[in-house]
C-alpha atoms as a PDB file:
ATOM      1  CA  UNK A   1       0.812  30.238  -4.814  1.00  0.00           C
ATOM      2  CA  UNK A   2      -1.571  28.059  -3.172  1.00  0.00           C
ATOM      3  CA  UNK A   3      -3.006  30.134  -0.506  1.00  0.00           C
ATOM      4  CA  UNK A   4      -6.139  27.496   0.552  1.00  0.00           C
ATOM      5  CA  UNK A   5      -7.137  24.179   1.343  1.00  0.00           C
ATOM      6  CA  UNK A   6      -9.510  23.897  -1.918  1.00  0.00           C
ATOM      7  CA  UNK A   7      -6.321  25.420  -4.075  1.00  0.00           C
ATOM      8  CA  UNK A   8      -3.770  22.716  -2.523  1.00  0.00           C
ATOM      9  CA  UNK A   9      -6.590  20.143  -3.041  1.00  0.00           C
ATOM     10  CA  UNK A  10      -7.003  21.107  -6.620  1.00  0.00           C
ATOM     11  CA  UNK A  11      -3.141  21.465  -7.419  1.00  0.00           C
ATOM     12  CA  UNK A  12      -2.666  17.434  -5.558  1.00  0.00           C
ATOM     13  CA  UNK A  13      -5.415  16.594  -7.589  1.00  0.00           C
ATOM     14  CA  UNK A  14      -4.097  17.605 -11.215  1.00  0.00           C
ATOM     15  CA  UNK A  15      -0.426  16.109 -10.014  1.00  0.00           C
ATOM     16  CA  UNK A  16      -2.291  12.960  -9.553  1.00  0.00           C
ATOM     17  CA  UNK A  17      -4.091  12.812 -12.606  1.00  0.00           C
ATOM     18  CA  UNK A  18      -0.534  13.314 -14.397  1.00  0.00           C
ATOM     19  CA  UNK A  19       0.912  10.663 -12.154  1.00  0.00           C
ATOM     20  CA  UNK A  20      -2.009   8.371 -13.484  1.00  0.00           C
ATOM     21  CA  UNK A  21      -1.169   9.419 -16.817  1.00  0.00           C
ATOM     22  CA  UNK A  22       2.416   8.671 -16.779  1.00  0.00           C
ATOM     23  CA  UNK A  23       1.557   5.292 -15.000  1.00  0.00           C
ATOM     24  CA  UNK A  24       3.661   6.363 -12.064  1.00  0.00           C
ATOM     25  CA  UNK A  25       0.672   6.300  -9.168  1.00  0.00           C
ATOM     26  CA  UNK A  26       0.824   3.878  -6.192  1.00  0.00           C
ATOM     27  CA  UNK A  27      -1.943   2.566  -4.506  1.00  0.00           C
ATOM     28  CA  UNK A  28      -0.003   4.114  -0.909  1.00  0.00           C
ATOM     29  CA  UNK A  29      -0.464   7.601  -2.715  1.00  0.00           C
ATOM     30  CA  UNK A  30      -3.944   6.763  -3.949  1.00  0.00           C
ATOM     31  CA  UNK A  31      -5.162   5.851  -0.453  1.00  0.00           C
ATOM     32  CA  UNK A  32      -3.645   8.950   1.272  1.00  0.00           C
ATOM     33  CA  UNK A  33      -5.018  10.931  -1.207  1.00  0.00           C
ATOM     34  CA  UNK A  34      -8.317   9.782  -0.268  1.00  0.00           C
ATOM     35  CA  UNK A  35      -8.314   9.861   3.485  1.00  0.00           C
ATOM     36  CA  UNK A  36      -6.675  13.526   3.004  1.00  0.00           C
ATOM     37  CA  UNK A  37      -3.102  12.528   4.087  1.00  0.00           C
ATOM     38  CA  UNK A  38      -2.173  15.729   1.255  1.00  0.00           C
ATOM     39  CA  UNK A  39       1.533  15.828   2.429  1.00  0.00           C
ATOM     40  CA  UNK A  40       1.991  12.396   2.398  1.00  0.00           C
ATOM     41  CA  UNK A  41       0.298  11.682  -0.718  1.00  0.00           C
ATOM     42  CA  UNK A  42       2.685  14.911  -1.788  1.00  0.00           C
ATOM     43  CA  UNK A  43       5.880  13.476  -0.454  1.00  0.00           C
ATOM     44  CA  UNK A  44       5.081  10.448  -2.478  1.00  0.00           C
ATOM     45  CA  UNK A  45       5.505  12.329  -5.909  1.00  0.00           C
ATOM     46  CA  UNK A  46       8.295  14.503  -4.728  1.00  0.00           C
ATOM     47  CA  UNK A  47      10.517  11.365  -3.767  1.00  0.00           C
ATOM     48  CA  UNK A  48       9.639  10.316  -7.316  1.00  0.00           C
ATOM     49  CA  UNK A  49      11.100  13.769  -9.393  1.00  0.00           C
ATOM     50  CA  UNK A  50      13.375  15.213  -6.332  1.00  0.00           C
ATOM     51  CA  UNK A  51      16.413  13.742  -7.881  1.00  0.00           C
ATOM     52  CA  UNK A  52      15.819  13.623 -11.914  1.00  0.00           C
ATOM     53  CA  UNK A  53      15.638  16.957 -13.502  1.00  0.00           C
ATOM     54  CA  UNK A  54      14.319  15.374 -16.360  1.00  0.00           C
ATOM     55  CA  UNK A  55      10.784  13.892 -14.435  1.00  0.00           C
ATOM     56  CA  UNK A  56       7.667  14.878 -15.960  1.00  0.00           C
ATOM     57  CA  UNK A  57       6.749  16.290 -12.782  1.00  0.00           C
ATOM     58  CA  UNK A  58       9.968  18.807 -13.179  1.00  0.00           C
ATOM     59  CA  UNK A  59       8.222  20.887 -15.380  1.00  0.00           C
ATOM     60  CA  UNK A  60       4.517  20.409 -14.254  1.00  0.00           C
ATOM     61  CA  UNK A  61       2.998  23.735 -12.921  1.00  0.00           C
ATOM     62  CA  UNK A  62       1.060  21.785 -10.116  1.00  0.00           C
ATOM     63  CA  UNK A  63       3.685  19.960  -8.973  1.00  0.00           C
ATOM     64  CA  UNK A  64       6.496  23.432  -9.017  1.00  0.00           C
ATOM     65  CA  UNK A  65       3.052  24.831  -6.945  1.00  0.00           C
ATOM     66  CA  UNK A  66       2.935  21.928  -4.458  1.00  0.00           C
ATOM     67  CA  UNK A  67       6.590  21.955  -4.092  1.00  0.00           C
ATOM     68  CA  UNK A  68       6.713  25.608  -2.776  1.00  0.00           C
ATOM     69  CA  UNK A  69       3.883  25.432  -1.030  1.00  0.00           C
ATOM     70  CA  UNK A  70       5.541  22.341   1.082  1.00  0.00           C
ATOM     71  CA  UNK A  71       8.821  23.519   1.016  1.00  0.00           C
ATOM     72  CA  UNK A  72       9.329  23.883   4.809  1.00  0.00           C
ATOM     73  CA  UNK A  73       8.116  20.500   5.289  1.00  0.00           C
ATOM     74  CA  UNK A  74      10.604  18.976   2.408  1.00  0.00           C
ATOM     75  CA  UNK A  75      13.402  21.239   3.151  1.00  0.00           C
END
């Protein structure tokens, strides 16, 4: 469970790294992350994975923690 901004940033950094490994990261996601627009950055990752139950992020614990944390924003 994410409780602090530091935990939020750490989980998002992990998701960003996973997206880099999968070669799925976009320049907009990188830019949003760099300027502290974390919700917009997360929404980019969420939009990639939301409709694909087999997407690699669907089993990523950092991604799932962010989905739970942002549930009210993405509902």
